[in-house]
Amino acid sequence: MAEWFYLDRTGAEYGPFPPQKMAAWFHRGDFRKIGPDLLVRLRDWHRHATIRELYPEGNPFAGPPYIPHQSQAQPSHGAPAASHPYYLHGPPRPPEFEPPSYHGHSGYGPSYGQA
């Protein structure tokens, strides 16, 4: 089964998550600030791609992604566009998502809604 990773506003990567969970979060609106510009990748990919690129007909995470003229290991997108509002303000955290524990290392980890 495919396992997805996504980038938060700081460029931190989270995952892997099964496609059903990613689809549920996406359709519920947990990524509404970024929507189809959310950067994701599969485990064996070295780069991230937008939902818009991978599912141009809509219905993200339902079936295999579309990758024109490239192998699935090399999607076209690189680092997130720093000017996109999502990467300046961040996504809402999905309620079921528990960020990783950093065992007392203050200043590390996701900072949802914090400066």
N, C-alpha and C. Protein backbone atom coordinates (compact mmCIF):
# COMPACT_ATOMS: atom_id res chain seq x y z
N MET A 1 0.84 -1.18 0.00
CA MET A 1 0.00 0.00 0.00
C MET A 1 0.89 1.25 0.00
N ALA A 2 0.47 2.24 -0.72
CA ALA A 2 1.19 3.52 -0.79
C ALA A 2 1.13 4.20 0.57
N GLU A 3 2.22 4.83 0.94
CA GLU A 3 2.27 5.62 2.17
C GLU A 3 2.70 7.03 1.79
N TRP A 4 1.95 8.01 2.25
CA TRP A 4 2.16 9.40 1.88
C TRP A 4 2.82 10.19 2.99
N PHE A 5 3.63 11.16 2.58
CA PHE A 5 4.25 12.14 3.46
C PHE A 5 3.80 13.51 2.98
N TYR A 6 3.67 14.48 3.89
CA TYR A 6 3.35 15.85 3.47
C TYR A 6 4.25 16.83 4.21
N LEU A 7 4.37 18.04 3.65
CA LEU A 7 5.17 19.10 4.26
C LEU A 7 4.26 20.08 4.99
N ASP A 8 4.68 20.50 6.19
CA ASP A 8 3.94 21.55 6.87
C ASP A 8 4.51 22.91 6.45
N ARG A 9 4.05 23.96 7.07
CA ARG A 9 4.43 25.32 6.68
C ARG A 9 5.90 25.61 6.87
N THR A 10 6.56 24.88 7.75
CA THR A 10 7.97 25.12 8.00
C THR A 10 8.87 24.28 7.12
N GLY A 11 8.25 23.40 6.32
CA GLY A 11 9.03 22.49 5.50
C GLY A 11 9.32 21.17 6.20
N ALA A 12 8.79 21.01 7.42
CA ALA A 12 8.94 19.74 8.14
C ALA A 12 8.03 18.70 7.49
N GLU A 13 8.54 17.51 7.39
CA GLU A 13 7.79 16.43 6.74
C GLU A 13 7.15 15.52 7.79
N TYR A 14 5.91 15.11 7.52
CA TYR A 14 5.17 14.22 8.40
C TYR A 14 4.67 13.03 7.61
N GLY A 15 4.67 11.89 8.24
CA GLY A 15 4.20 10.67 7.61
C GLY A 15 5.08 9.53 8.05
N PRO A 16 4.83 8.37 7.57
CA PRO A 16 3.89 8.07 6.50
C PRO A 16 2.46 7.90 7.00
N PHE A 17 1.52 8.20 6.11
CA PHE A 17 0.10 8.03 6.38
C PHE A 17 -0.52 7.24 5.23
N PRO A 18 -1.48 6.38 5.53
CA PRO A 18 -2.16 5.65 4.46
C PRO A 18 -3.00 6.61 3.62
N PRO A 19 -3.23 6.26 2.36
CA PRO A 19 -4.00 7.17 1.49
C PRO A 19 -5.40 7.46 2.02
N GLN A 20 -6.01 6.51 2.72
CA GLN A 20 -7.36 6.74 3.26
C GLN A 20 -7.36 7.87 4.28
N LYS A 21 -6.33 7.92 5.12
CA LYS A 21 -6.24 8.99 6.13
C LYS A 21 -5.97 10.33 5.46
N MET A 22 -5.04 10.36 4.49
CA MET A 22 -4.75 11.61 3.78
C MET A 22 -5.99 12.11 3.05
N ALA A 23 -6.72 11.19 2.40
CA ALA A 23 -7.95 11.57 1.69
C ALA A 23 -8.98 12.13 2.65
N ALA A 24 -9.15 11.48 3.80
CA ALA A 24 -10.13 11.95 4.79
C ALA A 24 -9.77 13.35 5.28
N TRP A 25 -8.49 13.59 5.61
CA TRP A 25 -8.07 14.91 6.06
C TRP A 25 -8.29 15.95 4.96
N PHE A 26 -7.92 15.59 3.73
CA PHE A 26 -8.03 16.54 2.61
C PHE A 26 -9.51 16.90 2.37
N HIS A 27 -10.36 15.89 2.28
CA HIS A 27 -11.78 16.14 1.98
C HIS A 27 -12.53 16.78 3.15
N ARG A 28 -12.05 16.58 4.35
CA ARG A 28 -12.65 17.22 5.52
C ARG A 28 -12.26 18.69 5.61
N GLY A 29 -11.20 19.07 4.89
CA GLY A 29 -10.79 20.47 4.88
C GLY A 29 -9.63 20.79 5.79
N ASP A 30 -8.94 19.76 6.30
CA ASP A 30 -7.81 20.02 7.20
C ASP A 30 -6.67 20.75 6.51
N PHE A 31 -6.60 20.67 5.19
CA PHE A 31 -5.55 21.36 4.43
C PHE A 31 -6.16 22.48 3.58
N ARG A 32 -7.26 23.05 4.00
CA ARG A 32 -7.99 24.02 3.16
C ARG A 32 -7.19 25.27 2.83
N LYS A 33 -6.25 25.67 3.67
CA LYS A 33 -5.47 26.87 3.38
C LYS A 33 -4.55 26.67 2.18
N ILE A 34 -4.14 25.45 1.94
CA ILE A 34 -3.26 25.15 0.81
C ILE A 34 -4.00 24.40 -0.29
N GLY A 35 -4.95 23.58 0.09
CA GLY A 35 -5.75 22.82 -0.88
C GLY A 35 -4.90 22.00 -1.83
N PRO A 36 -5.15 22.15 -3.12
CA PRO A 36 -4.44 21.32 -4.10
C PRO A 36 -2.96 21.66 -4.26
N ASP A 37 -2.47 22.69 -3.56
CA ASP A 37 -1.05 23.01 -3.62
C ASP A 37 -0.26 22.36 -2.48
N LEU A 38 -0.93 21.52 -1.69
CA LEU A 38 -0.24 20.76 -0.64
C LEU A 38 0.85 19.91 -1.27
N LEU A 39 2.05 19.98 -0.70
CA LEU A 39 3.18 19.20 -1.21
C LEU A 39 3.24 17.85 -0.50
N VAL A 40 3.24 16.80 -1.31
CA VAL A 40 3.24 15.42 -0.80
C VAL A 40 4.24 14.59 -1.58
N ARG A 41 4.55 13.43 -1.03
CA ARG A 41 5.38 12.48 -1.75
C ARG A 41 5.08 11.08 -1.24
N LEU A 42 5.44 10.10 -2.05
CA LEU A 42 5.40 8.71 -1.63
C LEU A 42 6.76 8.32 -1.07
N ARG A 43 6.81 7.23 -0.34
CA ARG A 43 8.03 6.82 0.36
C ARG A 43 9.26 6.76 -0.55
N ASP A 44 9.13 6.24 -1.75
CA ASP A 44 10.31 6.07 -2.62
C ASP A 44 10.62 7.28 -3.49
N TRP A 45 9.91 8.38 -3.31
CA TRP A 45 10.19 9.60 -4.06
C TRP A 45 11.22 10.45 -3.31
N HIS A 46 12.03 11.16 -4.06
CA HIS A 46 13.03 12.05 -3.47
C HIS A 46 12.55 13.49 -3.41
N ARG A 47 11.51 13.81 -4.15
CA ARG A 47 10.96 15.17 -4.21
C ARG A 47 9.47 15.15 -3.93
N HIS A 48 8.95 16.31 -3.55
CA HIS A 48 7.53 16.46 -3.31
C HIS A 48 6.85 17.00 -4.56
N ALA A 49 5.56 16.75 -4.68
CA ALA A 49 4.74 17.29 -5.77
C ALA A 49 3.44 17.78 -5.18
N THR A 50 2.76 18.67 -5.88
CA THR A 50 1.48 19.18 -5.39
C THR A 50 0.37 18.18 -5.71
N ILE A 51 -0.67 18.25 -4.90
CA ILE A 51 -1.87 17.44 -5.15
C ILE A 51 -2.40 17.77 -6.55
N ARG A 52 -2.35 19.05 -6.93
CA ARG A 52 -2.85 19.49 -8.24
C ARG A 52 -2.12 18.77 -9.37
N GLU A 53 -0.80 18.57 -9.22
CA GLU A 53 -0.02 17.88 -10.25
C GLU A 53 -0.34 16.39 -10.28
N LEU A 54 -0.49 15.81 -9.11
CA LEU A 54 -0.64 14.36 -9.02
C LEU A 54 -2.06 13.88 -9.28
N TYR A 55 -3.05 14.72 -9.01
CA TYR A 55 -4.46 14.37 -9.21
C TYR A 55 -5.16 15.51 -9.94
N PRO A 56 -4.81 15.76 -11.21
CA PRO A 56 -5.37 16.91 -11.93
C PRO A 56 -6.89 16.84 -12.12
N GLU A 57 -7.46 15.65 -12.04
CA GLU A 57 -8.91 15.51 -12.20
C GLU A 57 -9.63 15.58 -10.86
N GLY A 58 -8.90 15.82 -9.78
CA GLY A 58 -9.50 15.86 -8.45
C GLY A 58 -9.45 14.50 -7.78
N ASN A 59 -10.17 14.36 -6.69
CA ASN A 59 -10.24 13.13 -5.91
C ASN A 59 -8.87 12.63 -5.46
N PRO A 60 -8.12 13.46 -4.74
CA PRO A 60 -6.77 13.07 -4.31
C PRO A 60 -6.75 11.83 -3.43
N PHE A 61 -5.72 11.06 -3.61
CA PHE A 61 -5.41 9.85 -2.85
C PHE A 61 -6.33 8.68 -3.18
N ALA A 62 -7.19 8.83 -4.18
CA ALA A 62 -8.02 7.71 -4.63
C ALA A 62 -7.36 7.13 -5.87
N GLY A 63 -6.58 6.11 -5.69
CA GLY A 63 -5.88 5.50 -6.80
C GLY A 63 -4.49 6.06 -6.96
N PRO A 64 -3.77 5.56 -7.95
CA PRO A 64 -2.38 6.00 -8.14
C PRO A 64 -2.31 7.44 -8.67
N PRO A 65 -1.26 8.16 -8.30
CA PRO A 65 -1.11 9.54 -8.79
C PRO A 65 -0.72 9.57 -10.25
N TYR A 66 -1.04 10.66 -10.90
CA TYR A 66 -0.68 10.89 -12.30
C TYR A 66 0.65 11.64 -12.33
N ILE A 67 1.62 11.10 -13.04
CA ILE A 67 2.90 11.77 -13.19
C ILE A 67 3.26 11.78 -14.67
N PRO A 68 3.07 12.92 -15.34
CA PRO A 68 3.33 12.99 -16.78
C PRO A 68 4.81 12.92 -17.12
N HIS A 69 5.16 12.07 -18.06
CA HIS A 69 6.50 12.00 -18.66
C HIS A 69 7.63 11.82 -17.64
N GLN A 70 7.35 11.20 -16.51
CA GLN A 70 8.38 10.99 -15.51
C GLN A 70 8.13 9.67 -14.80
N SER A 71 9.16 9.11 -14.20
CA SER A 71 8.96 7.94 -13.36
C SER A 71 8.34 8.40 -12.06
N GLN A 72 7.66 7.53 -11.36
CA GLN A 72 7.03 7.91 -10.11
C GLN A 72 8.06 8.23 -9.04
N ALA A 73 9.30 7.88 -9.26
CA ALA A 73 10.32 8.18 -8.26
C ALA A 73 10.86 9.60 -8.41
N GLN A 74 10.45 10.32 -9.45
CA GLN A 74 10.98 11.66 -9.67
C GLN A 74 9.89 12.66 -10.03
N PRO A 75 8.96 12.99 -9.13
CA PRO A 75 7.98 14.02 -9.42
C PRO A 75 8.66 15.36 -9.70
N SER A 76 7.93 16.27 -10.31
CA SER A 76 8.54 17.48 -10.81
C SER A 76 8.80 18.56 -9.77
N HIS A 77 8.12 18.54 -8.66
CA HIS A 77 8.21 19.65 -7.73
C HIS A 77 9.37 19.50 -6.77
N GLY A 78 9.99 20.61 -6.42
CA GLY A 78 11.08 20.63 -5.45
C GLY A 78 10.59 21.16 -4.12
N ALA A 79 11.30 22.10 -3.56
CA ALA A 79 10.97 22.68 -2.26
C ALA A 79 9.70 23.52 -2.36
N PRO A 80 8.99 23.72 -1.24
CA PRO A 80 7.77 24.52 -1.27
C PRO A 80 8.05 25.96 -1.64
N ALA A 81 7.07 26.58 -2.29
CA ALA A 81 7.19 27.99 -2.63
C ALA A 81 7.03 28.79 -1.35
N ALA A 82 8.06 29.45 -0.93
CA ALA A 82 8.06 30.16 0.35
C ALA A 82 7.01 31.26 0.39
N SER A 83 6.59 31.76 -0.75
CA SER A 83 5.62 32.85 -0.76
C SER A 83 4.18 32.38 -0.65
N HIS A 84 3.91 31.09 -0.76
CA HIS A 84 2.53 30.61 -0.67
C HIS A 84 2.04 30.80 0.77
N PRO A 85 0.83 31.34 0.94
CA PRO A 85 0.32 31.60 2.30
C PRO A 85 0.35 30.38 3.21
N TYR A 86 0.15 29.20 2.68
CA TYR A 86 0.19 27.98 3.49
C TYR A 86 1.53 27.85 4.19
N TYR A 87 2.60 28.11 3.49
CA TYR A 87 3.92 27.93 4.07
C TYR A 87 4.32 29.10 4.96
N LEU A 88 3.55 30.17 4.93
CA LEU A 88 3.79 31.29 5.84
C LEU A 88 2.99 31.10 7.13
N HIS A 89 1.80 30.50 7.04
CA HIS A 89 0.91 30.40 8.20
C HIS A 89 0.65 28.97 8.65
N GLY A 90 0.87 28.00 7.79
CA GLY A 90 0.73 26.60 8.18
C GLY A 90 -0.68 26.07 8.05
N PRO A 91 -0.78 24.74 7.99
CA PRO A 91 -2.08 24.10 7.89
C PRO A 91 -2.67 23.88 9.27
N PRO A 92 -3.98 23.69 9.32
CA PRO A 92 -4.53 23.25 10.59
C PRO A 92 -4.04 21.82 10.84
N ARG A 93 -3.80 21.49 12.07
CA ARG A 93 -3.33 20.14 12.38
C ARG A 93 -4.51 19.19 12.36
N PRO A 94 -4.44 18.09 11.62
CA PRO A 94 -5.52 17.11 11.65
C PRO A 94 -5.72 16.63 13.09
N PRO A 95 -6.98 16.53 13.55
CA PRO A 95 -7.24 16.19 14.94
C PRO A 95 -6.63 14.85 15.38
N GLU A 96 -6.58 13.87 14.50
CA GLU A 96 -6.05 12.56 14.89
C GLU A 96 -4.53 12.53 14.88
N PHE A 97 -3.91 13.58 14.38
CA PHE A 97 -2.46 13.58 14.23
C PHE A 97 -1.79 13.97 15.53
N GLU A 98 -0.90 13.15 16.00
CA GLU A 98 -0.10 13.46 17.18
C GLU A 98 1.32 13.75 16.70
N PRO A 99 1.82 14.97 16.87
CA PRO A 99 3.18 15.27 16.43
C PRO A 99 4.19 14.42 17.19
N PRO A 100 5.34 14.20 16.61
CA PRO A 100 6.35 13.39 17.28
C PRO A 100 6.82 14.05 18.57
N SER A 101 7.20 13.23 19.53
CA SER A 101 7.73 13.73 20.79
C SER A 101 9.20 14.07 20.59
N TYR A 102 9.61 15.21 21.11
CA TYR A 102 10.99 15.63 20.99
C TYR A 102 11.71 15.55 22.32
N HIS A 103 11.13 14.87 23.29
CA HIS A 103 11.74 14.56 24.58
C HIS A 103 12.51 15.72 25.20
N GLY A 104 11.81 16.82 25.41
CA GLY A 104 12.41 17.93 26.14
C GLY A 104 13.29 18.86 25.34
N HIS A 105 13.35 18.70 24.04
CA HIS A 105 14.14 19.60 23.20
C HIS A 105 13.27 20.79 22.82
N SER A 106 13.22 21.80 23.63
CA SER A 106 12.37 22.95 23.35
C SER A 106 12.82 23.61 22.05
N GLY A 107 11.83 24.10 21.33
CA GLY A 107 12.11 24.75 20.06
C GLY A 107 12.09 23.82 18.87
N TYR A 108 11.93 22.52 19.10
CA TYR A 108 11.89 21.55 18.02
C TYR A 108 10.46 21.08 17.83
N GLY A 109 10.15 20.67 16.62
CA GLY A 109 8.83 20.12 16.32
C GLY A 109 7.93 21.13 15.68
N PRO A 110 6.74 20.68 15.28
CA PRO A 110 5.81 21.56 14.59
C PRO A 110 5.32 22.67 15.51
N SER A 111 5.08 23.82 14.92
CA SER A 111 4.61 24.97 15.69
C SER A 111 3.33 25.47 15.08
N TYR A 112 2.29 24.66 15.14
CA TYR A 112 1.01 25.02 14.56
C TYR A 112 0.43 26.22 15.30
N GLY A 113 0.23 27.30 14.57
CA GLY A 113 -0.39 28.48 15.12
C GLY A 113 0.50 29.27 16.06
N GLN A 114 1.77 28.95 16.12
CA GLN A 114 2.68 29.67 16.99
C GLN A 114 3.72 30.39 16.16
N ALA A 115 4.24 31.47 16.68
CA ALA A 115 5.28 32.22 15.95
C ALA A 115 6.63 31.63 16.21
